[in-house]
Protein backbone atom coordinates (compact mmCIF):
# COMPACT_ATOMS: atom_id res chain seq x y z
CA MET A 1 -120.19 4.64 157.96
CA ASP A 2 -123.21 6.90 158.15
CA ASP A 3 -123.35 10.25 159.97
CA ILE A 4 -124.74 8.69 163.16
CA GLU A 5 -121.95 6.15 163.38
CA ILE A 6 -119.29 8.76 162.53
CA GLN A 7 -120.43 11.11 165.28
CA LEU A 8 -120.73 8.39 167.91
CA GLN A 9 -117.27 7.10 167.00
CA GLU A 10 -115.84 10.65 167.27
CA SER A 11 -117.35 10.91 170.75
CA ILE A 12 -115.88 7.57 171.80
CA ASP A 13 -112.45 8.42 170.38
CA THR A 14 -112.42 11.82 172.10
CA LYS A 15 -113.34 10.30 175.45
CA LYS A 16 -110.57 7.71 175.08
CA ALA A 17 -108.14 10.58 174.42
CA VAL A 18 -109.42 12.39 177.53
CA LEU A 19 -108.76 9.30 179.64
CA ALA A 20 -105.23 8.96 178.28
CA ALA A 21 -104.34 12.64 178.70
CA ASN A 22 -106.29 13.79 181.76
CA ARG A 23 -106.76 11.02 184.34
CA ASP A 24 -104.48 12.75 186.89
CA VAL A 25 -105.96 16.19 186.17
CA ILE A 26 -109.49 14.89 186.79
CA ARG A 27 -108.43 13.41 190.13
CA LYS A 28 -106.68 16.65 191.09
CA ILE A 29 -109.80 18.71 190.28
CA ALA A 30 -111.97 16.38 192.35
CA ASP A 31 -109.51 16.63 195.27
CA VAL A 32 -109.63 20.46 195.13
CA LEU A 33 -113.43 20.43 195.25
CA VAL A 34 -113.49 17.92 198.10
CA ARG A 35 -111.08 20.10 200.11
CA ALA A 36 -113.13 23.24 199.42
CA PHE A 37 -116.37 21.59 200.51
CA LYS A 38 -114.72 20.12 203.63
CA ASP A 39 -113.60 23.66 204.50
CA ASN A 40 -117.17 24.96 204.00
CA HIS A 41 -116.20 26.96 200.92
CA HIS A 42 -118.23 27.62 197.78
CA VAL A 43 -117.58 26.51 194.23
CA TYR A 44 -118.55 29.04 191.55
CA LEU A 45 -119.12 27.98 187.94
CA ILE A 46 -119.09 30.14 184.81
CA GLY A 47 -119.34 29.75 181.05
CA ASN A 48 -120.98 31.23 177.96
CA GLY A 49 -123.64 29.63 175.76
CA GLY A 50 -123.49 25.84 175.95
CA SER A 51 -120.75 26.16 178.55
CA ALA A 52 -123.14 28.21 180.71
CA ALA A 53 -125.56 25.31 180.52
CA ASP A 54 -122.75 22.93 181.53
CA ALA A 55 -121.89 25.16 184.50
CA GLN A 56 -125.53 25.23 185.59
CA HIS A 57 -125.89 21.47 185.11
CA LEU A 58 -122.94 20.67 187.36
CA ALA A 59 -123.98 23.22 190.00
CA GLY A 60 -127.35 21.45 190.06
CA GLU A 61 -125.68 18.07 190.57
CA LEU A 62 -123.65 19.43 193.49
CA ILE A 63 -126.51 21.27 195.17
CA GLY A 64 -129.12 18.56 194.55
CA ARG A 65 -127.50 15.20 194.24
CA PHE A 66 -125.52 13.25 191.73
CA LYS A 67 -126.32 9.71 192.85
CA LEU A 68 -126.55 9.92 196.63
CA ASN A 69 -129.20 11.51 198.80
CA ARG A 70 -127.00 13.74 200.94
CA ARG A 71 -126.70 17.31 202.17
CA PRO A 72 -126.46 19.97 199.46
CA LEU A 73 -123.03 21.29 198.52
CA PRO A 74 -122.53 25.06 198.05
CA ALA A 75 -122.14 25.45 194.29
CA ILE A 76 -123.28 28.56 192.44
CA ALA A 77 -123.57 28.99 188.67
CA LEU A 78 -122.91 32.69 188.10
CA THR A 79 -124.65 32.34 184.75
CA THR A 80 -128.19 32.30 186.13
CA ASP A 81 -129.01 35.73 187.59
CA THR A 82 -130.34 37.60 184.57
CA SER A 83 -130.87 40.84 186.51
CA VAL A 84 -127.25 40.92 187.63
CA ILE A 85 -125.88 39.85 184.25
CA THR A 86 -127.91 42.36 182.26
CA ALA A 87 -127.22 45.21 184.69
CA LEU A 88 -123.48 44.53 184.62
CA ALA A 89 -123.47 44.12 180.83
CA ASN A 90 -125.36 47.38 180.43
CA ASP A 91 -123.33 49.39 182.93
CA PHE A 92 -119.84 47.90 182.57
CA GLY A 93 -119.82 45.70 179.44
CA TYR A 94 -120.48 41.98 179.08
CA GLU A 95 -116.83 41.06 179.52
CA THR A 96 -117.04 42.19 183.18
CA CYS A 97 -120.15 40.18 184.18
CA PHE A 98 -118.42 37.20 185.75
CA ALA A 99 -115.45 39.16 187.11
CA ARG A 100 -117.74 41.52 189.06
CA GLN A 101 -119.68 38.60 190.51
CA VAL A 102 -116.48 36.80 191.52
CA GLU A 103 -115.18 40.01 193.13
CA ALA A 104 -118.45 40.39 195.08
CA LEU A 105 -118.84 36.79 196.22
CA ALA A 106 -115.64 34.73 196.21
CA ILE A 107 -113.15 34.56 199.04
CA GLN A 108 -109.76 32.98 199.50
CA GLY A 109 -109.94 29.19 199.56
CA GLU A 110 -113.00 28.93 197.35
CA VAL A 111 -113.01 27.54 193.81
CA LEU A 112 -113.91 28.98 190.41
CA LEU A 113 -114.69 26.47 187.63
CA ALA A 114 -114.43 28.28 184.29
CA PHE A 115 -115.79 26.62 181.12
CA SER A 116 -114.61 27.85 177.71
CA THR A 117 -114.31 25.49 174.75
CA SER A 118 -111.81 27.81 173.03
CA GLY A 119 -110.11 29.00 176.20
CA ASN A 120 -110.15 32.55 174.84
CA SER A 121 -113.36 34.13 176.18
CA LYS A 122 -112.43 37.56 177.54
CA GLY A 123 -115.22 37.49 180.11
CA ILE A 124 -114.08 34.12 181.44
CA LEU A 125 -110.44 35.21 181.50
CA ASN A 126 -111.33 38.44 183.35
CA ALA A 127 -113.13 36.42 186.03
CA VAL A 128 -110.16 34.07 186.40
CA HIS A 129 -107.77 36.99 186.89
CA VAL A 130 -110.00 38.50 189.59
CA ALA A 131 -110.36 35.13 191.32
CA LYS A 132 -106.60 34.62 191.41
CA LYS A 133 -106.10 38.05 193.04
CA ILE A 134 -108.57 37.03 195.76
CA GLY A 135 -106.86 33.69 196.36
CA THR A 136 -109.62 31.60 194.85
CA THR A 137 -108.42 28.37 193.22
CA THR A 138 -109.10 28.52 189.49
CA ILE A 139 -109.92 25.53 187.32
CA GLY A 140 -110.40 25.67 183.56
CA PHE A 141 -112.41 23.30 181.40
CA THR A 142 -111.38 23.95 177.81
CA GLY A 143 -110.59 22.24 174.54
CA LYS A 144 -108.35 22.54 171.50
CA ASP A 145 -104.95 23.85 172.66
CA GLY A 146 -106.40 25.32 175.88
CA GLY A 147 -106.22 28.89 174.59
CA LEU A 148 -105.23 31.61 177.03
CA LEU A 149 -107.21 29.94 179.81
CA LYS A 150 -104.73 27.06 179.99
CA ASP A 151 -101.98 29.30 181.39
CA ALA A 152 -104.32 31.55 183.40
CA VAL A 153 -105.79 28.90 185.73
CA ASP A 154 -104.26 26.82 188.51
CA ILE A 155 -105.51 23.55 186.98
CA CYS A 156 -106.66 23.04 183.41
CA LEU A 157 -108.61 20.19 181.88
CA THR A 158 -107.98 20.43 178.14
CA ILE A 159 -110.09 18.19 175.93
CA PRO A 160 -107.87 17.08 173.01
CA SER A 161 -110.30 18.05 170.24
CA ASN A 162 -111.13 20.96 167.95
CA ASN A 163 -114.76 19.86 167.70
CA THR A 164 -116.94 21.99 170.02
CA PRO A 165 -119.74 19.42 170.47
CA ARG A 166 -117.21 16.72 171.41
CA ILE A 167 -115.48 19.15 173.84
CA GLN A 168 -118.79 19.97 175.54
CA GLU A 169 -119.74 16.28 175.76
CA CYS A 170 -116.45 15.57 177.48
CA HIS A 171 -116.86 18.52 179.86
CA ILE A 172 -120.14 17.03 181.08
CA THR A 173 -118.71 13.50 181.24
CA VAL A 174 -115.73 14.69 183.29
CA GLY A 175 -118.02 16.86 185.42
CA HIS A 176 -120.12 13.80 186.23
CA ILE A 177 -117.00 11.83 187.12
CA ILE A 178 -115.91 14.63 189.45
CA CYS A 179 -119.37 14.78 191.06
CA SER A 180 -119.18 11.03 191.66
CA ILE A 181 -115.73 11.30 193.28
CA VAL A 182 -116.81 14.27 195.42
CA GLU A 183 -119.88 12.41 196.69
CA LYS A 184 -117.90 9.26 197.51
CA GLU A 185 -115.14 11.20 199.27
CA LEU A 186 -117.52 13.32 201.33
CA PHE A 187 -120.41 10.92 201.96
CA GLY A 188 -119.18 7.39 201.21
CA SER A 189 -121.20 5.06 199.02
CA LYS A 190 -124.67 4.28 200.29
């Protein structure tokens, strides 16, 4: 097998493991988002690095569209406001950036989706702790053994892999599945 075949096979094998281990978790996450949107609540998404890009990607799918032309859904990637992030990092330290935004914006009944491949990002964990105090439902997307995030959130999707690229691929795949379920539940299939 060459490198291309090895990497594609790793991706396939990881996704098969996700299906075996997380089918019910994926459905539960989709149900939480559907309920939040039905109740006119927001979904906030956070992550660092590639996980920030994943958070932004899924917020875009929810606000724009996944497959259906429909009304926009209130999803906000807290990773995108550089003025807020840099001011908070400068004044309070980077590890507070998401927590301060959650404290300012989130209310009880809303949802925080927290992406961390290791599950051990202090900034992500700080935001989750603030969200839980507010009464915001917390959902973690992680990998490996779930890290500290696994026990900090209400629902955790743990990708059974130690390979960061495979974890991130699965986060997007599962995110797309969730977007599809949310659209079908809220808007039917057109």
